[in-house]
Amino acid sequence: MSIIQNLEIIWRQFDSMVCNVILADDYSKLAFLCIGRSVCLHAKYGSHYSLRIPRMGRDIAYHHWSCDLLCAASSPDLYRINLEQGRFLSSLSTHSPALNVVSPSPVIFMGWLLMVARMVPYIEGFDMRTRSSVGGRDVVAPTRDIYQEVTAFEFDGDESFLMAVGSSSGKVLIYDLSSSYPIRIKDHMYGSPILEIKWHQTLNSERPKLITTDNHIVRI
């Protein structure tokens, strides 16, 4: 059976549009965040279980070290669904009326670090060992734009300390976690919010490529 046919079988399981997707390395376990506050869990054979979160979801991520499925939503709380225990755990409380993005650190010795983007120009860090906030920072301030939000961010998955942040004004800032000032700022020049950020490692380059998108273009 072709990949397209496999995808067709998966997509037929949904009653609402998919908002965000998490894929395991072997595509055998998937979690879909759907419009309508539902989270759908899939296995190789198709739909396994479906549940609903209290508020409309905006982003989803999986924290490998705790087996928590993390859901950012239009709420100050970051919802935690533990896939090992099969139940909701106590939410992580933030200082924002809503959350846009959630991203765990992929670095092995910093697997406890979790970053959340608020509906303001701030990101907030959490220690997953104690499930408490370790502080926040205005990461959009170096652009000198006002009334901005963090709309996307992503850690570099290559065991480094780099993090890319996207703003609602179409700016992309690359940070080293050891510094409070970005090492580079890029402007998409359209003024549209950055929708997605991905780090991509190629075979012919030692350094990863940064792929960013907005409503108009994809930049590499």
Protein backbone atom coordinates (compact mmCIF):
# COMPACT_ATOMS: atom_id res chain seq x y z
CA MET A 1 0.00 0.00 0.00
CA SER A 2 1.40 3.42 -0.93
CA ILE A 3 2.14 6.27 1.50
CA ILE A 4 -0.66 8.32 -0.05
CA GLN A 5 -3.14 5.49 0.53
CA ASN A 6 -1.97 5.20 4.14
CA LEU A 7 -2.47 8.93 4.67
CA GLU A 8 -5.91 8.72 3.11
CA ILE A 9 -6.94 6.06 5.63
CA ILE A 10 -5.69 8.24 8.52
CA TRP A 11 -7.42 11.40 7.34
CA ARG A 12 -10.77 9.63 7.03
CA GLN A 13 -10.83 9.12 10.80
CA PHE A 14 -11.40 12.81 11.57
CA ASP A 15 -14.66 14.68 11.93
CA SER A 16 -12.94 18.08 12.14
CA MET A 17 -9.99 19.81 10.53
CA VAL A 18 -6.55 18.93 11.88
CA CYS A 19 -4.82 21.87 13.54
CA ASN A 20 -1.48 20.28 14.41
CA VAL A 21 0.19 16.88 14.21
CA ILE A 22 2.92 15.00 16.06
CA LEU A 23 4.59 12.06 14.32
CA ALA A 24 6.74 9.36 15.90
CA ASP A 25 9.94 8.39 14.11
CA ASP A 26 8.39 5.24 12.68
CA TYR A 27 4.90 6.76 12.15
CA SER A 28 3.36 4.03 14.34
CA LYS A 29 2.11 6.43 17.03
CA LEU A 30 0.51 9.75 16.24
CA ALA A 31 -1.30 12.48 18.13
CA PHE A 32 -3.53 14.98 16.33
CA LEU A 33 -4.76 18.26 17.77
CA CYS A 34 -8.05 19.03 16.06
CA ILE A 35 -10.35 22.01 15.87
CA GLY A 36 -13.16 21.40 18.32
CA ARG A 37 -10.89 20.88 21.38
CA SER A 38 -10.29 17.22 20.55
CA VAL A 39 -7.01 15.27 20.71
CA CYS A 40 -6.98 12.09 18.62
CA LEU A 41 -4.48 9.32 19.29
CA HIS A 42 -3.66 6.93 16.45
CA ALA A 43 -1.75 3.65 16.18
CA LYS A 44 -0.70 1.57 13.19
CA TYR A 45 -4.21 0.24 12.75
CA GLY A 46 -5.81 3.71 12.81
CA SER A 47 -7.78 5.59 15.46
CA HIS A 48 -7.07 4.39 19.01
CA TYR A 49 -8.65 6.95 21.33
CA SER A 50 -10.04 10.47 21.33
CA LEU A 51 -10.43 12.97 24.15
CA ARG A 52 -11.15 16.67 24.61
CA ILE A 53 -9.26 19.45 26.34
CA PRO A 54 -11.09 22.25 28.22
CA ARG A 55 -10.20 25.10 25.84
CA MET A 56 -9.48 25.49 22.12
CA GLY A 57 -6.04 24.06 21.35
CA ARG A 58 -3.29 25.97 19.50
CA ASP A 59 -0.22 23.73 19.67
CA ILE A 60 0.81 20.28 20.84
CA ALA A 61 4.14 18.68 21.80
CA TYR A 62 5.40 15.48 23.36
CA HIS A 63 7.81 15.49 26.30
CA HIS A 64 9.71 12.20 26.06
CA TRP A 65 11.17 12.21 29.56
CA SER A 66 7.80 12.41 31.34
CA CYS A 67 5.58 10.80 28.66
CA ASP A 68 3.41 13.94 28.78
CA LEU A 69 1.44 15.17 25.79
CA LEU A 70 1.42 18.96 26.22
CA CYS A 71 -1.38 21.11 24.80
CA ALA A 72 -1.15 24.90 24.51
CA ALA A 73 -4.58 26.50 24.25
CA SER A 74 -6.57 29.71 24.65
CA SER A 75 -6.03 29.37 28.39
CA PRO A 76 -3.32 30.36 30.90
CA ASP A 77 -2.90 26.65 31.70
CA LEU A 78 -0.71 24.23 29.77
CA TYR A 79 -2.65 20.95 29.68
CA ARG A 80 -0.75 17.72 30.41
CA ILE A 81 -1.95 14.31 29.24
CA ASN A 82 0.24 11.49 30.52
CA LEU A 83 0.27 8.72 27.91
CA GLU A 84 1.80 6.17 30.31
CA GLN A 85 -0.92 6.61 32.94
CA GLY A 86 -3.65 7.43 30.43
CA ARG A 87 -5.03 10.45 32.26
CA PHE A 88 -4.85 14.22 32.67
CA LEU A 89 -2.27 15.51 35.15
CA SER A 90 -2.19 18.87 36.90
CA SER A 91 -1.76 21.69 34.39
CA LEU A 92 1.20 24.05 34.36
CA SER A 93 0.05 27.58 35.21
CA THR A 94 1.55 30.52 33.30
CA HIS A 95 1.30 34.29 33.58
CA SER A 96 -0.51 34.76 30.27
CA PRO A 97 -4.21 34.81 29.28
CA ALA A 98 -3.43 32.30 26.50
CA LEU A 99 -0.59 30.25 25.01
CA ASN A 100 0.50 30.10 21.38
CA VAL A 101 3.34 27.55 21.21
CA VAL A 102 4.92 24.84 23.36
CA SER A 103 8.32 23.23 22.73
CA PRO A 104 10.41 20.86 24.92
CA SER A 105 14.19 21.02 24.72
CA PRO A 106 15.65 18.14 22.67
CA VAL A 107 19.07 18.36 24.36
CA ILE A 108 19.58 15.20 26.43
CA PHE A 109 21.07 16.85 29.52
CA MET A 110 18.44 19.61 29.34
CA GLY A 111 15.44 17.36 28.77
CA TRP A 112 13.80 18.92 31.82
CA LEU A 113 13.49 22.31 30.06
CA LEU A 114 10.17 23.27 28.52
CA MET A 115 9.45 26.59 26.81
CA VAL A 116 6.02 28.16 26.30
CA ALA A 117 5.19 31.17 24.12
CA ARG A 118 2.55 33.48 25.53
CA MET A 119 0.16 35.90 23.81
CA VAL A 120 2.72 38.61 24.55
CA PRO A 121 6.35 38.99 23.36
CA TYR A 122 7.49 36.62 26.11
CA ILE A 123 8.50 33.01 26.37
CA GLU A 124 8.40 31.27 29.72
CA GLY A 125 10.55 28.35 30.81
CA PHE A 126 9.46 25.44 33.01
CA ASP A 127 11.46 22.85 34.92
CA MET A 128 9.59 19.60 34.26
CA ARG A 129 11.28 17.96 37.26
CA THR A 130 9.48 20.29 39.66
CA ARG A 131 6.78 21.47 37.20
CA SER A 132 7.48 25.09 38.10
CA SER A 133 8.35 28.22 36.16
CA VAL A 134 12.03 29.15 35.94
CA GLY A 135 11.43 32.60 34.48
CA GLY A 136 10.48 34.42 31.31
CA ARG A 137 12.00 36.82 28.82
CA ASP A 138 10.85 39.31 26.20
CA VAL A 139 12.42 37.72 23.11
CA VAL A 140 10.92 40.13 20.56
CA ALA A 141 12.26 43.34 22.16
CA PRO A 142 15.45 43.45 20.00
CA THR A 143 13.26 44.00 16.90
CA ARG A 144 11.93 47.23 18.50
CA ASP A 145 8.42 46.31 17.38
CA ILE A 146 5.57 47.06 19.78
CA TYR A 147 2.42 45.07 20.54
CA GLN A 148 3.91 41.83 19.20
CA GLU A 149 3.39 38.19 20.10
CA VAL A 150 5.56 35.10 19.81
CA THR A 151 3.77 33.02 17.17
CA ALA A 152 6.35 30.25 16.62
CA PHE A 153 9.58 28.93 18.06
CA GLU A 154 11.66 25.80 17.80
CA PHE A 155 14.78 24.37 19.43
CA ASP A 156 17.56 23.11 17.21
CA GLY A 157 17.39 19.32 17.52
CA ASP A 158 21.12 18.79 16.91
CA GLU A 159 22.15 18.77 20.58
CA SER A 160 22.88 22.49 20.50
CA PHE A 161 21.66 25.52 22.42
CA LEU A 162 20.10 27.35 19.48
CA MET A 163 16.48 28.43 19.43
CA ALA A 164 14.56 30.26 16.69
CA VAL A 165 11.66 32.58 17.54
CA GLY A 166 9.01 33.93 15.16
CA SER A 167 6.99 37.08 15.85
CA SER A 168 3.59 38.32 14.73
CA SER A 169 5.31 41.06 12.67
CA GLY A 170 7.14 38.54 10.46
CA LYS A 171 10.55 38.65 12.19
CA VAL A 172 12.66 35.57 12.97
CA LEU A 173 15.21 35.78 15.79
CA ILE A 174 17.88 33.14 16.42
CA TYR A 175 19.05 32.85 20.03
CA ASP A 176 21.84 31.01 21.78
CA LEU A 177 20.37 29.94 25.14
CA SER A 178 23.53 31.16 26.86
CA SER A 179 22.87 34.74 25.66
CA SER A 180 20.04 37.20 26.22
CA TYR A 181 20.48 38.85 22.81
CA PRO A 182 19.78 37.19 19.44
CA ILE A 183 22.72 36.24 17.26
CA ARG A 184 20.71 37.00 14.11
CA ILE A 185 17.43 38.68 13.13
CA LYS A 186 15.71 38.00 9.80
CA ASP A 187 12.68 39.82 8.39
CA HIS A 188 10.22 38.12 6.02
CA MET A 189 9.32 41.65 4.81
CA TYR A 190 5.58 40.92 4.60
CA GLY A 191 4.48 41.87 8.11
CA SER A 192 2.57 38.60 8.49
CA PRO A 193 2.95 36.36 11.55
CA ILE A 194 5.50 33.57 11.36
CA LEU A 195 3.45 30.37 11.26
CA GLU A 196 6.04 27.60 11.49
CA ILE A 197 9.75 27.16 12.19
CA LYS A 198 11.74 23.99 11.50
CA TRP A 199 15.43 23.12 11.74
CA HIS A 200 16.53 20.82 8.92
CA GLN A 201 19.81 18.94 8.72
CA THR A 202 21.12 18.17 5.22
CA LEU A 203 23.74 15.63 4.18
CA ASN A 204 25.94 18.15 2.36
CA SER A 205 26.15 20.67 5.21
CA GLU A 206 27.42 20.43 8.77
CA ARG A 207 25.18 23.24 9.98
CA PRO A 208 21.39 22.85 10.00
CA LYS A 209 19.10 24.91 7.76
CA LEU A 210 16.34 27.02 9.25
CA ILE A 211 12.98 26.86 7.44
CA THR A 212 10.41 29.53 8.30
CA THR A 213 6.97 30.17 6.84
CA ASP A 214 4.27 32.82 6.87
CA ASN A 215 1.11 33.31 4.80
CA HIS A 216 3.15 34.40 1.77
CA ILE A 217 6.46 32.56 1.53
CA VAL A 218 8.75 29.84 2.80
CA ARG A 219 12.31 30.97 3.57
CA ILE A 220 15.37 28.73 4.00
